[in-house]
Amino acid sequence: MKRPLHKSKYVYHRLINNAQTLYTHWFAETEFMPSQVFRQEMQIWQSIFVQYRPLALFNQCQDFLYPISPDEQVWLSQLLQPAFLKNDLRCYAHVVPEESISNISVMQLFQELEKLIEPGDLLIRHFHEEKPALEWLEQTLVM
């Protein structure tokens, strides 16, 4: 595996697919992540995205256990949406467990994000397994 762009006890980020995709993997330690650290990690993610300008995002959240509050959902969607659109992000694959309390808050976050994005500006799909998500990203990037 290539050296991560950022790694903490909660998450790591690296580039894959010839630097076209920013791959993010969240760890189960997120269950105990303080709110301030969550916000810092999201700002780091956003700055990595802006610096490297990938065309796709892959977000492995099967072990993401942090419950994102409604205020954090709004804050995060407002943080990410301008960066996504300004830097020509084309597709976002999001891998989540089938059932999880944190999954509910993550899906609510995506509802907030989708309110700010015009239809067709960004393709977002949710998956329960990594392989189909990566395949979809590769196919979508070729289109």
N, C-alpha and C. Protein backbone atom coordinates (compact mmCIF):
# COMPACT_ATOMS: atom_id res chain seq x y z
N MET A 1 0.85 -1.18 0.00
CA MET A 1 0.00 0.00 0.00
C MET A 1 0.89 1.24 0.00
N LYS A 2 0.48 2.24 -0.76
CA LYS A 2 1.22 3.49 -0.80
C LYS A 2 1.10 4.22 0.53
N ARG A 3 2.08 5.07 0.78
CA ARG A 3 2.09 5.87 2.00
C ARG A 3 0.85 6.77 2.05
N PRO A 4 0.16 6.79 3.19
CA PRO A 4 -1.02 7.65 3.31
C PRO A 4 -0.66 9.14 3.23
N LEU A 5 -1.57 9.93 2.73
CA LEU A 5 -1.42 11.38 2.73
C LEU A 5 -1.63 11.92 4.14
N HIS A 6 -2.47 11.22 4.89
CA HIS A 6 -2.75 11.57 6.29
C HIS A 6 -3.22 10.30 6.98
N LYS A 7 -2.76 10.11 8.20
CA LYS A 7 -3.21 8.97 8.98
C LYS A 7 -3.28 9.37 10.44
N SER A 8 -4.38 9.01 11.08
CA SER A 8 -4.55 9.21 12.52
C SER A 8 -5.16 7.92 13.07
N LYS A 9 -5.48 7.91 14.35
CA LYS A 9 -6.11 6.70 14.89
C LYS A 9 -7.56 6.57 14.43
N TYR A 10 -8.08 7.58 13.74
CA TYR A 10 -9.47 7.57 13.28
C TYR A 10 -9.63 7.31 11.78
N VAL A 11 -8.63 7.71 10.98
CA VAL A 11 -8.81 7.70 9.52
C VAL A 11 -7.47 7.71 8.81
N TYR A 12 -7.48 7.21 7.56
CA TYR A 12 -6.34 7.48 6.69
C TYR A 12 -6.84 7.81 5.29
N HIS A 13 -6.03 8.58 4.56
CA HIS A 13 -6.35 9.01 3.20
C HIS A 13 -5.16 8.68 2.31
N ARG A 14 -5.44 8.18 1.11
CA ARG A 14 -4.39 7.95 0.12
C ARG A 14 -5.00 8.08 -1.27
N LEU A 15 -4.15 8.25 -2.27
CA LEU A 15 -4.61 8.34 -3.65
C LEU A 15 -4.50 6.98 -4.31
N ILE A 16 -5.52 6.63 -5.11
CA ILE A 16 -5.51 5.39 -5.89
C ILE A 16 -5.95 5.73 -7.32
N ASN A 17 -5.95 4.72 -8.19
CA ASN A 17 -6.37 4.90 -9.59
C ASN A 17 -5.60 6.03 -10.27
N ASN A 18 -4.27 5.93 -10.24
CA ASN A 18 -3.41 6.95 -10.85
C ASN A 18 -3.74 8.35 -10.35
N ALA A 19 -3.97 8.46 -9.07
CA ALA A 19 -4.25 9.73 -8.38
C ALA A 19 -5.58 10.35 -8.78
N GLN A 20 -6.45 9.59 -9.42
CA GLN A 20 -7.77 10.10 -9.77
C GLN A 20 -8.77 9.98 -8.63
N THR A 21 -8.48 9.11 -7.66
CA THR A 21 -9.43 8.84 -6.57
C THR A 21 -8.75 9.05 -5.22
N LEU A 22 -9.42 9.79 -4.36
CA LEU A 22 -8.99 9.93 -2.98
C LEU A 22 -9.71 8.85 -2.18
N TYR A 23 -8.93 7.91 -1.65
CA TYR A 23 -9.45 6.77 -0.89
C TYR A 23 -9.34 7.11 0.59
N THR A 24 -10.47 7.06 1.29
CA THR A 24 -10.53 7.35 2.72
C THR A 24 -11.07 6.14 3.45
N HIS A 25 -10.41 5.78 4.54
CA HIS A 25 -10.85 4.63 5.34
C HIS A 25 -10.94 5.07 6.80
N TRP A 26 -12.15 4.94 7.36
CA TRP A 26 -12.40 5.31 8.76
C TRP A 26 -12.29 4.07 9.64
N PHE A 27 -11.76 4.26 10.86
CA PHE A 27 -11.57 3.16 11.81
C PHE A 27 -12.63 3.19 12.91
N ALA A 28 -12.80 2.06 13.58
CA ALA A 28 -13.80 1.92 14.64
C ALA A 28 -13.55 2.86 15.82
N GLU A 29 -12.32 3.34 15.96
CA GLU A 29 -12.01 4.28 17.03
C GLU A 29 -12.84 5.56 16.93
N THR A 30 -13.47 5.78 15.78
CA THR A 30 -14.32 6.96 15.61
C THR A 30 -15.46 6.98 16.62
N GLU A 31 -15.79 5.83 17.17
CA GLU A 31 -16.86 5.78 18.18
C GLU A 31 -16.55 6.70 19.36
N PHE A 32 -15.28 6.88 19.67
CA PHE A 32 -14.86 7.67 20.82
C PHE A 32 -14.22 9.00 20.42
N MET A 33 -14.38 9.38 19.19
CA MET A 33 -13.77 10.61 18.68
C MET A 33 -14.51 11.84 19.22
N PRO A 34 -13.79 12.79 19.82
CA PRO A 34 -14.43 14.02 20.27
C PRO A 34 -14.91 14.86 19.08
N SER A 35 -15.93 15.64 19.30
CA SER A 35 -16.50 16.48 18.24
C SER A 35 -15.45 17.39 17.61
N GLN A 36 -14.61 17.99 18.42
CA GLN A 36 -13.58 18.89 17.90
C GLN A 36 -12.61 18.14 16.98
N VAL A 37 -12.27 16.92 17.33
CA VAL A 37 -11.37 16.12 16.50
C VAL A 37 -12.08 15.73 15.20
N PHE A 38 -13.36 15.40 15.28
CA PHE A 38 -14.12 15.11 14.06
C PHE A 38 -14.03 16.29 13.09
N ARG A 39 -14.26 17.48 13.59
CA ARG A 39 -14.20 18.67 12.74
C ARG A 39 -12.79 18.86 12.16
N GLN A 40 -11.76 18.62 12.97
CA GLN A 40 -10.39 18.74 12.48
C GLN A 40 -10.11 17.72 11.38
N GLU A 41 -10.56 16.48 11.60
CA GLU A 41 -10.34 15.43 10.59
C GLU A 41 -11.07 15.78 9.28
N MET A 42 -12.25 16.35 9.38
CA MET A 42 -12.98 16.71 8.17
C MET A 42 -12.31 17.88 7.45
N GLN A 43 -11.74 18.82 8.19
CA GLN A 43 -11.02 19.92 7.56
C GLN A 43 -9.74 19.42 6.88
N ILE A 44 -9.09 18.46 7.49
CA ILE A 44 -7.90 17.85 6.87
C ILE A 44 -8.31 17.15 5.58
N TRP A 45 -9.40 16.39 5.62
CA TRP A 45 -9.90 15.68 4.43
C TRP A 45 -10.20 16.68 3.32
N GLN A 46 -10.88 17.75 3.66
CA GLN A 46 -11.22 18.77 2.67
C GLN A 46 -9.95 19.41 2.09
N SER A 47 -8.96 19.70 2.92
CA SER A 47 -7.74 20.32 2.41
C SER A 47 -6.94 19.36 1.52
N ILE A 48 -6.92 18.08 1.86
CA ILE A 48 -6.28 17.09 0.99
C ILE A 48 -7.00 17.04 -0.35
N PHE A 49 -8.32 17.04 -0.30
CA PHE A 49 -9.10 17.03 -1.54
C PHE A 49 -8.76 18.24 -2.41
N VAL A 50 -8.73 19.42 -1.82
CA VAL A 50 -8.44 20.64 -2.57
C VAL A 50 -7.01 20.61 -3.12
N GLN A 51 -6.07 20.11 -2.35
CA GLN A 51 -4.68 20.07 -2.79
C GLN A 51 -4.47 19.12 -3.97
N TYR A 52 -5.07 17.93 -3.93
CA TYR A 52 -4.80 16.91 -4.94
C TYR A 52 -5.84 16.86 -6.05
N ARG A 53 -7.00 17.46 -5.86
CA ARG A 53 -8.05 17.58 -6.87
C ARG A 53 -8.41 16.26 -7.56
N PRO A 54 -8.73 15.22 -6.80
CA PRO A 54 -9.12 13.97 -7.45
C PRO A 54 -10.47 14.13 -8.15
N LEU A 55 -10.71 13.29 -9.13
CA LEU A 55 -11.99 13.30 -9.83
C LEU A 55 -13.04 12.49 -9.09
N ALA A 56 -12.58 11.60 -8.19
CA ALA A 56 -13.50 10.72 -7.48
C ALA A 56 -13.10 10.61 -6.01
N LEU A 57 -14.11 10.33 -5.19
CA LEU A 57 -13.90 10.06 -3.77
C LEU A 57 -14.41 8.67 -3.46
N PHE A 58 -13.64 7.94 -2.67
CA PHE A 58 -14.06 6.65 -2.14
C PHE A 58 -13.98 6.78 -0.63
N ASN A 59 -15.11 6.59 0.04
CA ASN A 59 -15.17 6.79 1.48
C ASN A 59 -15.62 5.49 2.14
N GLN A 60 -14.67 4.77 2.73
CA GLN A 60 -14.93 3.49 3.39
C GLN A 60 -15.36 3.78 4.83
N CYS A 61 -16.67 3.68 5.08
CA CYS A 61 -17.23 4.05 6.38
C CYS A 61 -17.85 2.87 7.12
N GLN A 62 -17.49 1.65 6.76
CA GLN A 62 -18.10 0.50 7.43
C GLN A 62 -17.74 0.45 8.91
N ASP A 63 -16.61 1.02 9.29
CA ASP A 63 -16.21 1.05 10.70
C ASP A 63 -16.39 2.43 11.32
N PHE A 64 -17.00 3.34 10.59
CA PHE A 64 -17.23 4.70 11.10
C PHE A 64 -18.36 4.65 12.11
N LEU A 65 -18.07 4.97 13.36
CA LEU A 65 -19.06 4.83 14.43
C LEU A 65 -19.41 6.15 15.10
N TYR A 66 -18.87 7.24 14.60
CA TYR A 66 -19.15 8.55 15.20
C TYR A 66 -20.54 9.02 14.78
N PRO A 67 -21.42 9.36 15.73
CA PRO A 67 -22.75 9.87 15.36
C PRO A 67 -22.67 11.36 15.04
N ILE A 68 -22.83 11.71 13.79
CA ILE A 68 -22.72 13.11 13.36
C ILE A 68 -23.99 13.85 13.77
N SER A 69 -23.84 14.88 14.57
CA SER A 69 -25.00 15.65 15.06
C SER A 69 -25.63 16.44 13.91
N PRO A 70 -26.89 16.84 14.04
CA PRO A 70 -27.52 17.66 13.00
C PRO A 70 -26.73 18.94 12.69
N ASP A 71 -26.21 19.61 13.70
CA ASP A 71 -25.40 20.82 13.46
C ASP A 71 -24.13 20.49 12.68
N GLU A 72 -23.50 19.37 13.00
CA GLU A 72 -22.30 18.95 12.28
C GLU A 72 -22.63 18.56 10.84
N GLN A 73 -23.79 17.98 10.61
CA GLN A 73 -24.21 17.63 9.26
C GLN A 73 -24.29 18.87 8.38
N VAL A 74 -24.92 19.92 8.89
CA VAL A 74 -25.04 21.17 8.13
C VAL A 74 -23.65 21.79 7.93
N TRP A 75 -22.86 21.87 9.00
CA TRP A 75 -21.51 22.44 8.91
C TRP A 75 -20.68 21.70 7.87
N LEU A 76 -20.72 20.37 7.91
CA LEU A 76 -19.90 19.56 7.01
C LEU A 76 -20.35 19.70 5.56
N SER A 77 -21.64 19.69 5.32
CA SER A 77 -22.11 19.85 3.94
C SER A 77 -21.69 21.21 3.39
N GLN A 78 -21.72 22.25 4.22
CA GLN A 78 -21.29 23.58 3.79
C GLN A 78 -19.78 23.67 3.61
N LEU A 79 -19.02 22.87 4.34
CA LEU A 79 -17.57 22.81 4.17
C LEU A 79 -17.20 22.10 2.87
N LEU A 80 -17.85 20.99 2.59
CA LEU A 80 -17.45 20.14 1.48
C LEU A 80 -18.02 20.56 0.13
N GLN A 81 -19.27 20.97 0.08
CA GLN A 81 -19.92 21.25 -1.19
C GLN A 81 -19.15 22.23 -2.07
N PRO A 82 -18.71 23.39 -1.57
CA PRO A 82 -17.97 24.30 -2.45
C PRO A 82 -16.67 23.68 -2.98
N ALA A 83 -15.97 22.94 -2.14
CA ALA A 83 -14.72 22.31 -2.57
C ALA A 83 -14.99 21.26 -3.64
N PHE A 84 -16.05 20.47 -3.46
CA PHE A 84 -16.38 19.44 -4.43
C PHE A 84 -16.67 20.05 -5.80
N LEU A 85 -17.48 21.08 -5.84
CA LEU A 85 -17.88 21.66 -7.12
C LEU A 85 -16.77 22.49 -7.75
N LYS A 86 -16.05 23.25 -6.95
CA LYS A 86 -14.97 24.09 -7.48
C LYS A 86 -13.85 23.26 -8.08
N ASN A 87 -13.62 22.08 -7.54
CA ASN A 87 -12.50 21.25 -7.97
C ASN A 87 -12.91 20.10 -8.88
N ASP A 88 -14.10 20.19 -9.45
CA ASP A 88 -14.56 19.26 -10.49
C ASP A 88 -14.68 17.80 -10.06
N LEU A 89 -15.08 17.57 -8.83
CA LEU A 89 -15.34 16.20 -8.39
C LEU A 89 -16.47 15.63 -9.23
N ARG A 90 -16.28 14.43 -9.78
CA ARG A 90 -17.29 13.82 -10.64
C ARG A 90 -18.13 12.76 -9.94
N CYS A 91 -17.50 11.96 -9.05
CA CYS A 91 -18.26 10.87 -8.45
C CYS A 91 -17.75 10.57 -7.04
N TYR A 92 -18.67 10.05 -6.24
CA TYR A 92 -18.40 9.81 -4.82
C TYR A 92 -19.03 8.47 -4.46
N ALA A 93 -18.20 7.49 -4.11
CA ALA A 93 -18.68 6.18 -3.66
C ALA A 93 -18.53 6.12 -2.15
N HIS A 94 -19.60 5.77 -1.51
CA HIS A 94 -19.68 5.79 -0.05
C HIS A 94 -20.05 4.38 0.42
N VAL A 95 -19.18 3.73 1.19
CA VAL A 95 -19.41 2.36 1.65
C VAL A 95 -19.78 2.40 3.12
N VAL A 96 -20.98 1.91 3.42
CA VAL A 96 -21.52 1.94 4.79
C VAL A 96 -22.03 0.56 5.18
N PRO A 97 -22.09 0.28 6.48
CA PRO A 97 -22.70 -0.98 6.91
C PRO A 97 -24.20 -0.93 6.64
N GLU A 98 -24.80 -2.10 6.56
CA GLU A 98 -26.24 -2.13 6.27
C GLU A 98 -27.06 -1.54 7.40
N GLU A 99 -26.64 -1.76 8.64
CA GLU A 99 -27.37 -1.22 9.78
C GLU A 99 -26.39 -0.65 10.79
N SER A 100 -26.65 0.59 11.18
CA SER A 100 -25.79 1.24 12.16
C SER A 100 -26.41 2.59 12.53
N ILE A 101 -26.33 2.96 13.78
CA ILE A 101 -26.81 4.27 14.21
C ILE A 101 -26.01 5.37 13.52
N SER A 102 -24.69 5.20 13.44
CA SER A 102 -23.88 6.23 12.78
C SER A 102 -24.22 6.31 11.30
N ASN A 103 -24.65 5.19 10.70
CA ASN A 103 -25.05 5.19 9.30
C ASN A 103 -26.23 6.13 9.09
N ILE A 104 -27.16 6.19 10.03
CA ILE A 104 -28.31 7.09 9.92
C ILE A 104 -27.83 8.53 9.86
N SER A 105 -26.91 8.90 10.74
CA SER A 105 -26.43 10.29 10.74
C SER A 105 -25.64 10.60 9.48
N VAL A 106 -24.91 9.61 8.96
CA VAL A 106 -24.16 9.82 7.72
C VAL A 106 -25.13 10.01 6.55
N MET A 107 -26.19 9.23 6.50
CA MET A 107 -27.17 9.37 5.42
C MET A 107 -27.87 10.73 5.53
N GLN A 108 -28.12 11.19 6.73
CA GLN A 108 -28.70 12.53 6.91
C GLN A 108 -27.72 13.60 6.42
N LEU A 109 -26.43 13.38 6.64
CA LEU A 109 -25.43 14.30 6.12
C LEU A 109 -25.51 14.38 4.60
N PHE A 110 -25.64 13.23 3.95
CA PHE A 110 -25.73 13.24 2.50
C PHE A 110 -26.99 13.94 2.02
N GLN A 111 -28.07 13.84 2.77
CA GLN A 111 -29.28 14.59 2.42
C GLN A 111 -29.00 16.09 2.48
N GLU A 112 -28.27 16.53 3.49
CA GLU A 112 -27.89 17.95 3.59
C GLU A 112 -27.01 18.35 2.41
N LEU A 113 -26.04 17.51 2.08
CA LEU A 113 -25.13 17.80 0.98
C LEU A 113 -25.88 17.88 -0.34
N GLU A 114 -26.80 16.95 -0.56
CA GLU A 114 -27.54 16.92 -1.82
C GLU A 114 -28.45 18.13 -1.98
N LYS A 115 -28.86 18.76 -0.89
CA LYS A 115 -29.65 20.00 -0.97
C LYS A 115 -28.83 21.12 -1.61
N LEU A 116 -27.52 21.06 -1.46
CA LEU A 116 -26.63 22.12 -1.95
C LEU A 116 -26.06 21.85 -3.33
N ILE A 117 -26.30 20.66 -3.88
CA ILE A 117 -25.71 20.28 -5.16
C ILE A 117 -26.81 20.18 -6.21
N GLU A 118 -26.57 20.79 -7.35
CA GLU A 118 -27.51 20.71 -8.46
C GLU A 118 -27.51 19.29 -9.03
N PRO A 119 -28.69 18.79 -9.43
CA PRO A 119 -28.73 17.45 -10.04
C PRO A 119 -27.77 17.37 -11.23
N GLY A 120 -27.01 16.30 -11.28
CA GLY A 120 -26.06 16.08 -12.36
C GLY A 120 -24.67 16.64 -12.11
N ASP A 121 -24.51 17.50 -11.10
CA ASP A 121 -23.18 18.06 -10.82
C ASP A 121 -22.23 17.05 -10.21
N LEU A 122 -22.77 16.10 -9.46
CA LEU A 122 -21.95 15.12 -8.75
C LEU A 122 -22.74 13.83 -8.60
N LEU A 123 -22.15 12.72 -9.03
CA LEU A 123 -22.79 11.41 -8.86
C LEU A 123 -22.39 10.85 -7.51
N ILE A 124 -23.38 10.52 -6.69
CA ILE A 124 -23.13 9.94 -5.37
C ILE A 124 -23.87 8.62 -5.29
N ARG A 125 -23.14 7.57 -4.90
CA ARG A 125 -23.78 6.26 -4.70
C ARG A 125 -23.30 5.67 -3.39
N HIS A 126 -24.21 4.95 -2.75
CA HIS A 126 -23.93 4.29 -1.47
C HIS A 126 -23.86 2.79 -1.70
N PHE A 127 -22.90 2.14 -1.08
CA PHE A 127 -22.67 0.71 -1.23
C PHE A 127 -22.51 0.08 0.14
N HIS A 128 -22.67 -1.25 0.18
CA HIS A 128 -22.43 -1.99 1.42
C HIS A 128 -21.15 -2.83 1.34
N GLU A 129 -20.51 -2.83 0.16
CA GLU A 129 -19.26 -3.57 -0.03
C GLU A 129 -18.28 -2.72 -0.83
N GLU A 130 -17.00 -2.91 -0.56
CA GLU A 130 -15.96 -2.11 -1.19
C GLU A 130 -15.79 -2.41 -2.69
N LYS A 131 -15.77 -3.68 -3.06
CA LYS A 131 -15.47 -4.04 -4.45
C LYS A 131 -16.44 -3.41 -5.45
N PRO A 132 -17.77 -3.53 -5.27
CA PRO A 132 -18.66 -2.89 -6.25
C PRO A 132 -18.52 -1.36 -6.27
N ALA A 133 -18.19 -0.78 -5.13
CA ALA A 133 -18.01 0.68 -5.08
C ALA A 133 -16.80 1.10 -5.92
N LEU A 134 -15.69 0.39 -5.77
CA LEU A 134 -14.50 0.71 -6.55
C LEU A 134 -14.73 0.46 -8.04
N GLU A 135 -15.43 -0.61 -8.37
CA GLU A 135 -15.75 -0.89 -9.77
C GLU A 135 -16.60 0.22 -10.37
N TRP A 136 -17.60 0.68 -9.62
CA TRP A 136 -18.46 1.76 -10.09
C TRP A 136 -17.64 3.03 -10.34
N LEU A 137 -16.74 3.36 -9.41
CA LEU A 137 -15.90 4.55 -9.60
C LEU A 137 -15.07 4.44 -10.87
N GLU A 138 -14.44 3.30 -11.07
CA GLU A 138 -13.61 3.12 -12.26
C GLU A 138 -14.43 3.26 -13.53
N GLN A 139 -15.61 2.64 -13.56
CA GLN A 139 -16.49 2.74 -14.74
C GLN A 139 -16.96 4.17 -14.96
N THR A 140 -17.30 4.85 -13.89
CA THR A 140 -17.80 6.22 -14.00
C THR A 140 -16.71 7.17 -14.47
N LEU A 141 -15.49 6.97 -14.04
CA LEU A 141 -14.39 7.83 -14.46
C LEU A 141 -14.07 7.66 -15.94
N VAL A 142 -14.33 6.49 -16.50
CA VAL A 142 -14.06 6.23 -17.91
C VAL A 142 -15.10 6.91 -18.80
N MET A 143 -16.31 7.07 -18.27
CA MET A 143 -17.41 7.64 -19.07
C MET A 143 -17.14 9.07 -19.48
